[in-house]
Amino acid sequence: MPSEDRKKKELKNHPTVTLNDSINKSQSPSPDVSGMGWKDLLLLIIIAIGGFFFYQWFF
């Protein structure tokens, strides 16, 4: 935990670092789902499939 607190403090002192990280993450071809649990990933898949069927049904 102390290392997480230190990292948060560093990021708070350097806002351009977080902007740079965000830009780099947005440029990557795949979404970053490494921090998601299996329930979150399952929900994301269900929403994606539901959105596909919704699109096919109405358009």
PDB file of N, CA and C in Angstrom:
ATOM      1  N   MET A   1       0.801  -1.206   0.000  1.00  0.00           N
ATOM      2  CA  MET A   1       0.000   0.000   0.000  1.00  0.00           C
ATOM      3  C   MET A   1       0.849   1.278   0.000  1.00  0.00           C
ATOM      4  N   PRO A   2       1.944   1.315   0.738  1.00  0.00           N
ATOM      5  CA  PRO A   2       2.706   2.568   0.746  1.00  0.00           C
ATOM      6  C   PRO A   2       3.218   2.954  -0.633  1.00  0.00           C
ATOM      7  N   SER A   3       3.564   1.968  -1.465  1.00  0.00           N
ATOM      8  CA  SER A   3       4.054   2.296  -2.802  1.00  0.00           C
ATOM      9  C   SER A   3       2.937   2.887  -3.656  1.00  0.00           C
ATOM     10  N   GLU A   4       1.688   2.424  -3.445  1.00  0.00           N
ATOM     11  CA  GLU A   4       0.564   2.994  -4.179  1.00  0.00           C
ATOM     12  C   GLU A   4       0.327   4.442  -3.773  1.00  0.00           C
ATOM     13  N   ASP A   5       0.452   4.708  -2.481  1.00  0.00           N
ATOM     14  CA  ASP A   5       0.278   6.082  -2.003  1.00  0.00           C
ATOM     15  C   ASP A   5       1.357   6.992  -2.572  1.00  0.00           C
ATOM     16  N   ARG A   6       2.571   6.477  -2.621  1.00  0.00           N
ATOM     17  CA  ARG A   6       3.676   7.265  -3.166  1.00  0.00           C
ATOM     18  C   ARG A   6       3.457   7.537  -4.655  1.00  0.00           C
ATOM     19  N   LYS A   7       2.958   6.530  -5.379  1.00  0.00           N
ATOM     20  CA  LYS A   7       2.708   6.696  -6.811  1.00  0.00           C
ATOM     21  C   LYS A   7       1.601   7.723  -7.044  1.00  0.00           C
ATOM     22  N   LYS A   8       0.558   7.666  -6.223  1.00  0.00           N
ATOM     23  CA  LYS A   8      -0.525   8.652  -6.348  1.00  0.00           C
ATOM     24  C   LYS A   8      -0.006  10.057  -6.089  1.00  0.00           C
ATOM     25  N   LYS A   9       0.874  10.180  -5.105  1.00  0.00           N
ATOM     26  CA  LYS A   9       1.432  11.486  -4.776  1.00  0.00           C
ATOM     27  C   LYS A   9       2.287  12.010  -5.924  1.00  0.00           C
ATOM     28  N   GLU A  10       3.074  11.109  -6.545  1.00  0.00           N
ATOM     29  CA  GLU A  10       3.901  11.507  -7.686  1.00  0.00           C
ATOM     30  C   GLU A  10       3.038  11.958  -8.857  1.00  0.00           C
ATOM     31  N   LEU A  11       1.989  11.217  -9.131  1.00  0.00           N
ATOM     32  CA  LEU A  11       1.117  11.573 -10.245  1.00  0.00           C
ATOM     33  C   LEU A  11       0.387  12.889  -9.986  1.00  0.00           C
ATOM     34  N   LYS A  12       0.078  13.132  -8.728  1.00  0.00           N
ATOM     35  CA  LYS A  12      -0.589  14.381  -8.377  1.00  0.00           C
ATOM     36  C   LYS A  12       0.352  15.568  -8.601  1.00  0.00           C
ATOM     37  N   ASN A  13       1.633  15.370  -8.349  1.00  0.00           N
ATOM     38  CA  ASN A  13       2.604  16.440  -8.536  1.00  0.00           C
ATOM     39  C   ASN A  13       2.990  16.640  -9.997  1.00  0.00           C
ATOM     40  N   HIS A  14       2.745  15.648 -10.865  1.00  0.00           N
ATOM     41  CA  HIS A  14       3.123  15.724 -12.270  1.00  0.00           C
ATOM     42  C   HIS A  14       1.919  15.408 -13.158  1.00  0.00           C
ATOM     43  N   PRO A  15       1.023  16.361 -13.364  1.00  0.00           N
ATOM     44  CA  PRO A  15      -0.190  16.070 -14.144  1.00  0.00           C
ATOM     45  C   PRO A  15       0.088  15.755 -15.610  1.00  0.00           C
ATOM     46  N   THR A  16       1.214  16.250 -16.166  1.00  0.00           N
ATOM     47  CA  THR A  16       1.496  15.964 -17.571  1.00  0.00           C
ATOM     48  C   THR A  16       1.856  14.505 -17.780  1.00  0.00           C
ATOM     49  N   VAL A  17       2.348  13.838 -16.743  1.00  0.00           N
ATOM     50  CA  VAL A  17       2.662  12.417 -16.851  1.00  0.00           C
ATOM     51  C   VAL A  17       1.375  11.632 -17.073  1.00  0.00           C
ATOM     52  N   THR A  18       0.327  11.966 -16.346  1.00  0.00           N
ATOM     53  CA  THR A  18      -0.932  11.250 -16.524  1.00  0.00           C
ATOM     54  C   THR A  18      -1.542  11.548 -17.887  1.00  0.00           C
ATOM     55  N   LEU A  19      -1.370  12.763 -18.375  1.00  0.00           N
ATOM     56  CA  LEU A  19      -1.857  13.095 -19.717  1.00  0.00           C
ATOM     57  C   LEU A  19      -1.113  12.275 -20.756  1.00  0.00           C
ATOM     58  N   ASN A  20       0.199  12.180 -20.603  1.00  0.00           N
ATOM     59  CA  ASN A  20       1.008  11.394 -21.535  1.00  0.00           C
ATOM     60  C   ASN A  20       0.613   9.920 -21.476  1.00  0.00           C
ATOM     61  N   ASP A  21       0.396   9.379 -20.287  1.00  0.00           N
ATOM     62  CA  ASP A  21      -0.027   7.988 -20.156  1.00  0.00           C
ATOM     63  C   ASP A  21      -1.382   7.768 -20.827  1.00  0.00           C
ATOM     64  N   SER A  22      -2.294   8.711 -20.653  1.00  0.00           N
ATOM     65  CA  SER A  22      -3.618   8.594 -21.256  1.00  0.00           C
ATOM     66  C   SER A  22      -3.524   8.613 -22.774  1.00  0.00           C
ATOM     67  N   ILE A  23      -2.691   9.481 -23.304  1.00  0.00           N
ATOM     68  CA  ILE A  23      -2.522   9.553 -24.756  1.00  0.00           C
ATOM     69  C   ILE A  23      -1.921   8.258 -25.280  1.00  0.00           C
ATOM     70  N   ASN A  24      -0.925   7.740 -24.581  1.00  0.00           N
ATOM     71  CA  ASN A  24      -0.300   6.488 -25.017  1.00  0.00           C
ATOM     72  C   ASN A  24      -1.277   5.323 -24.951  1.00  0.00           C
ATOM     73  N   LYS A  25      -2.117   5.288 -23.928  1.00  0.00           N
ATOM     74  CA  LYS A  25      -3.097   4.216 -23.816  1.00  0.00           C
ATOM     75  C   LYS A  25      -4.149   4.325 -24.911  1.00  0.00           C
ATOM     76  N   SER A  26      -4.509   5.552 -25.288  1.00  0.00           N
ATOM     77  CA  SER A  26      -5.518   5.722 -26.327  1.00  0.00           C
ATOM     78  C   SER A  26      -4.976   5.348 -27.693  1.00  0.00           C
ATOM     79  N   GLN A  27      -3.668   5.373 -27.869  1.00  0.00           N
ATOM     80  CA  GLN A  27      -3.064   5.023 -29.147  1.00  0.00           C
ATOM     81  C   GLN A  27      -2.896   3.515 -29.321  1.00  0.00           C
ATOM     82  N   SER A  28      -2.990   2.767 -28.238  1.00  0.00           N
ATOM     83  CA  SER A  28      -2.807   1.316 -28.347  1.00  0.00           C
ATOM     84  C   SER A  28      -4.038   0.693 -29.009  1.00  0.00           C
ATOM     85  N   PRO A  29      -3.846  -0.352 -29.817  1.00  0.00           N
ATOM     86  CA  PRO A  29      -4.967  -0.938 -30.550  1.00  0.00           C
ATOM     87  C   PRO A  29      -5.948  -1.720 -29.684  1.00  0.00           C
ATOM     88  N   SER A  30      -5.500  -2.232 -28.553  1.00  0.00           N
ATOM     89  CA  SER A  30      -6.401  -3.025 -27.723  1.00  0.00           C
ATOM     90  C   SER A  30      -6.696  -2.283 -26.420  1.00  0.00           C
ATOM     91  N   PRO A  31      -7.921  -2.428 -25.918  1.00  0.00           N
ATOM     92  CA  PRO A  31      -8.252  -1.771 -24.653  1.00  0.00           C
ATOM     93  C   PRO A  31      -7.503  -2.394 -23.482  1.00  0.00           C
ATOM     94  N   ASP A  32      -7.235  -1.610 -22.483  1.00  0.00           N
ATOM     95  CA  ASP A  32      -6.529  -2.091 -21.301  1.00  0.00           C
ATOM     96  C   ASP A  32      -7.544  -2.655 -20.318  1.00  0.00           C
ATOM     97  N   VAL A  33      -7.686  -3.963 -20.302  1.00  0.00           N
ATOM     98  CA  VAL A  33      -8.639  -4.616 -19.407  1.00  0.00           C
ATOM     99  C   VAL A  33      -7.908  -5.396 -18.324  1.00  0.00           C
ATOM    100  N   SER A  34      -6.639  -5.101 -18.123  1.00  0.00           N
ATOM    101  CA  SER A  34      -5.858  -5.866 -17.159  1.00  0.00           C
ATOM    102  C   SER A  34      -6.330  -5.645 -15.727  1.00  0.00           C
ATOM    103  N   GLY A  35      -6.934  -4.499 -15.439  1.00  0.00           N
ATOM    104  CA  GLY A  35      -7.384  -4.231 -14.086  1.00  0.00           C
ATOM    105  C   GLY A  35      -8.798  -4.690 -13.820  1.00  0.00           C
ATOM    106  N   MET A  36      -9.448  -5.247 -14.825  1.00  0.00           N
ATOM    107  CA  MET A  36     -10.833  -5.672 -14.667  1.00  0.00           C
ATOM    108  C   MET A  36     -10.902  -7.070 -14.064  1.00  0.00           C
ATOM    109  N   GLY A  37     -11.909  -7.286 -13.260  1.00  0.00           N
ATOM    110  CA  GLY A  37     -12.167  -8.617 -12.738  1.00  0.00           C
ATOM    111  C   GLY A  37     -12.978  -9.404 -13.749  1.00  0.00           C
ATOM    112  N   TRP A  38     -13.226 -10.651 -13.441  1.00  0.00           N
ATOM    113  CA  TRP A  38     -13.961 -11.484 -14.401  1.00  0.00           C
ATOM    114  C   TRP A  38     -15.400 -11.053 -14.529  1.00  0.00           C
ATOM    115  N   LYS A  39     -15.981 -10.498 -13.463  1.00  0.00           N
ATOM    116  CA  LYS A  39     -17.367 -10.031 -13.536  1.00  0.00           C
ATOM    117  C   LYS A  39     -17.478  -8.809 -14.430  1.00  0.00           C
ATOM    118  N   ASP A  40     -16.517  -7.906 -14.318  1.00  0.00           N
ATOM    119  CA  ASP A  40     -16.523  -6.712 -15.159  1.00  0.00           C
ATOM    120  C   ASP A  40     -16.331  -7.077 -16.627  1.00  0.00           C
ATOM    121  N   LEU A  41     -15.442  -8.017 -16.886  1.00  0.00           N
ATOM    122  CA  LEU A  41     -15.193  -8.450 -18.255  1.00  0.00           C
ATOM    123  C   LEU A  41     -16.423  -9.141 -18.836  1.00  0.00           C
ATOM    124  N   LEU A  42     -17.088  -9.955 -18.045  1.00  0.00           N
ATOM    125  CA  LEU A  42     -18.309 -10.625 -18.487  1.00  0.00           C
ATOM    126  C   LEU A  42     -19.393  -9.595 -18.805  1.00  0.00           C
ATOM    127  N   LEU A  43     -19.518  -8.579 -17.950  1.00  0.00           N
ATOM    128  CA  LEU A  43     -20.496  -7.524 -18.188  1.00  0.00           C
ATOM    129  C   LEU A  43     -20.177  -6.773 -19.476  1.00  0.00           C
ATOM    130  N   LEU A  44     -18.924  -6.492 -19.717  1.00  0.00           N
ATOM    131  CA  LEU A  44     -18.518  -5.816 -20.942  1.00  0.00           C
ATOM    132  C   LEU A  44     -18.857  -6.645 -22.177  1.00  0.00           C
ATOM    133  N   ILE A  45     -18.629  -7.933 -22.114  1.00  0.00           N
ATOM    134  CA  ILE A  45     -18.949  -8.823 -23.236  1.00  0.00           C
ATOM    135  C   ILE A  45     -20.452  -8.872 -23.464  1.00  0.00           C
ATOM    136  N   ILE A  46     -21.227  -8.964 -22.402  1.00  0.00           N
ATOM    137  CA  ILE A  46     -22.691  -9.012 -22.528  1.00  0.00           C
ATOM    138  C   ILE A  46     -23.219  -7.712 -23.139  1.00  0.00           C
ATOM    139  N   ILE A  47     -22.681  -6.583 -22.712  1.00  0.00           N
ATOM    140  CA  ILE A  47     -23.105  -5.303 -23.267  1.00  0.00           C
ATOM    141  C   ILE A  47     -22.749  -5.212 -24.749  1.00  0.00           C
ATOM    142  N   ALA A  48     -21.568  -5.683 -25.114  1.00  0.00           N
ATOM    143  CA  ALA A  48     -21.155  -5.653 -26.523  1.00  0.00           C
ATOM    144  C   ALA A  48     -22.059  -6.536 -27.379  1.00  0.00           C
ATOM    145  N   ILE A  49     -22.376  -7.731 -26.911  1.00  0.00           N
ATOM    146  CA  ILE A  49     -23.255  -8.626 -27.661  1.00  0.00           C
ATOM    147  C   ILE A  49     -24.662  -8.050 -27.734  1.00  0.00           C
ATOM    148  N   GLY A  50     -25.145  -7.507 -26.610  1.00  0.00           N
ATOM    149  CA  GLY A  50     -26.461  -6.879 -26.603  1.00  0.00           C
ATOM    150  C   GLY A  50     -26.532  -5.690 -27.545  1.00  0.00           C
ATOM    151  N   GLY A  51     -25.478  -4.892 -27.585  1.00  0.00           N
ATOM    152  CA  GLY A  51     -25.437  -3.759 -28.511  1.00  0.00           C
ATOM    153  C   GLY A  51     -25.446  -4.215 -29.954  1.00  0.00           C
ATOM    154  N   PHE A  52     -24.763  -5.307 -30.252  1.00  0.00           N
ATOM    155  CA  PHE A  52     -24.758  -5.848 -31.606  1.00  0.00           C
ATOM    156  C   PHE A  52     -26.165  -6.281 -32.023  1.00  0.00           C
ATOM    157  N   PHE A  53     -26.854  -7.022 -31.154  1.00  0.00           N
ATOM    158  CA  PHE A  53     -28.204  -7.465 -31.483  1.00  0.00           C
ATOM    159  C   PHE A  53     -29.169  -6.286 -31.578  1.00  0.00           C
ATOM    160  N   PHE A  54     -29.018  -5.324 -30.727  1.00  0.00           N
ATOM    161  CA  PHE A  54     -29.850  -4.121 -30.780  1.00  0.00           C
ATOM    162  C   PHE A  54     -29.657  -3.418 -32.118  1.00  0.00           C
ATOM    163  N   TYR A  55     -28.423  -3.290 -32.556  1.00  0.00           N
ATOM    164  CA  TYR A  55     -28.122  -2.651 -33.839  1.00  0.00           C
ATOM    165  C   TYR A  55     -28.721  -3.446 -34.995  1.00  0.00           C
ATOM    166  N   GLN A  56     -28.578  -4.762 -34.967  1.00  0.00           N
ATOM    167  CA  GLN A  56     -29.128  -5.603 -36.037  1.00  0.00           C
ATOM    168  C   GLN A  56     -30.644  -5.550 -36.078  1.00  0.00           C
ATOM    169  N   TRP A  57     -31.273  -5.428 -34.941  1.00  0.00           N
ATOM    170  CA  TRP A  57     -32.735  -5.439 -34.861  1.00  0.00           C
ATOM    171  C   TRP A  57     -33.320  -4.144 -35.399  1.00  0.00           C
ATOM    172  N   PHE A  58     -32.720  -3.007 -35.056  1.00  0.00           N
ATOM    173  CA  PHE A  58     -33.291  -1.718 -35.453  1.00  0.00           C
ATOM    174  C   PHE A  58     -32.715  -1.158 -36.750  1.00  0.00           C
ATOM    175  N   PHE A  59     -31.561  -1.595 -37.156  1.00  0.00           N
ATOM    176  CA  PHE A  59     -30.974  -1.046 -38.387  1.00  0.00           C
ATOM    177  C   PHE A  59     -30.734  -2.165 -39.312  1.00  0.00           C
TER     178      PHE A  59
END
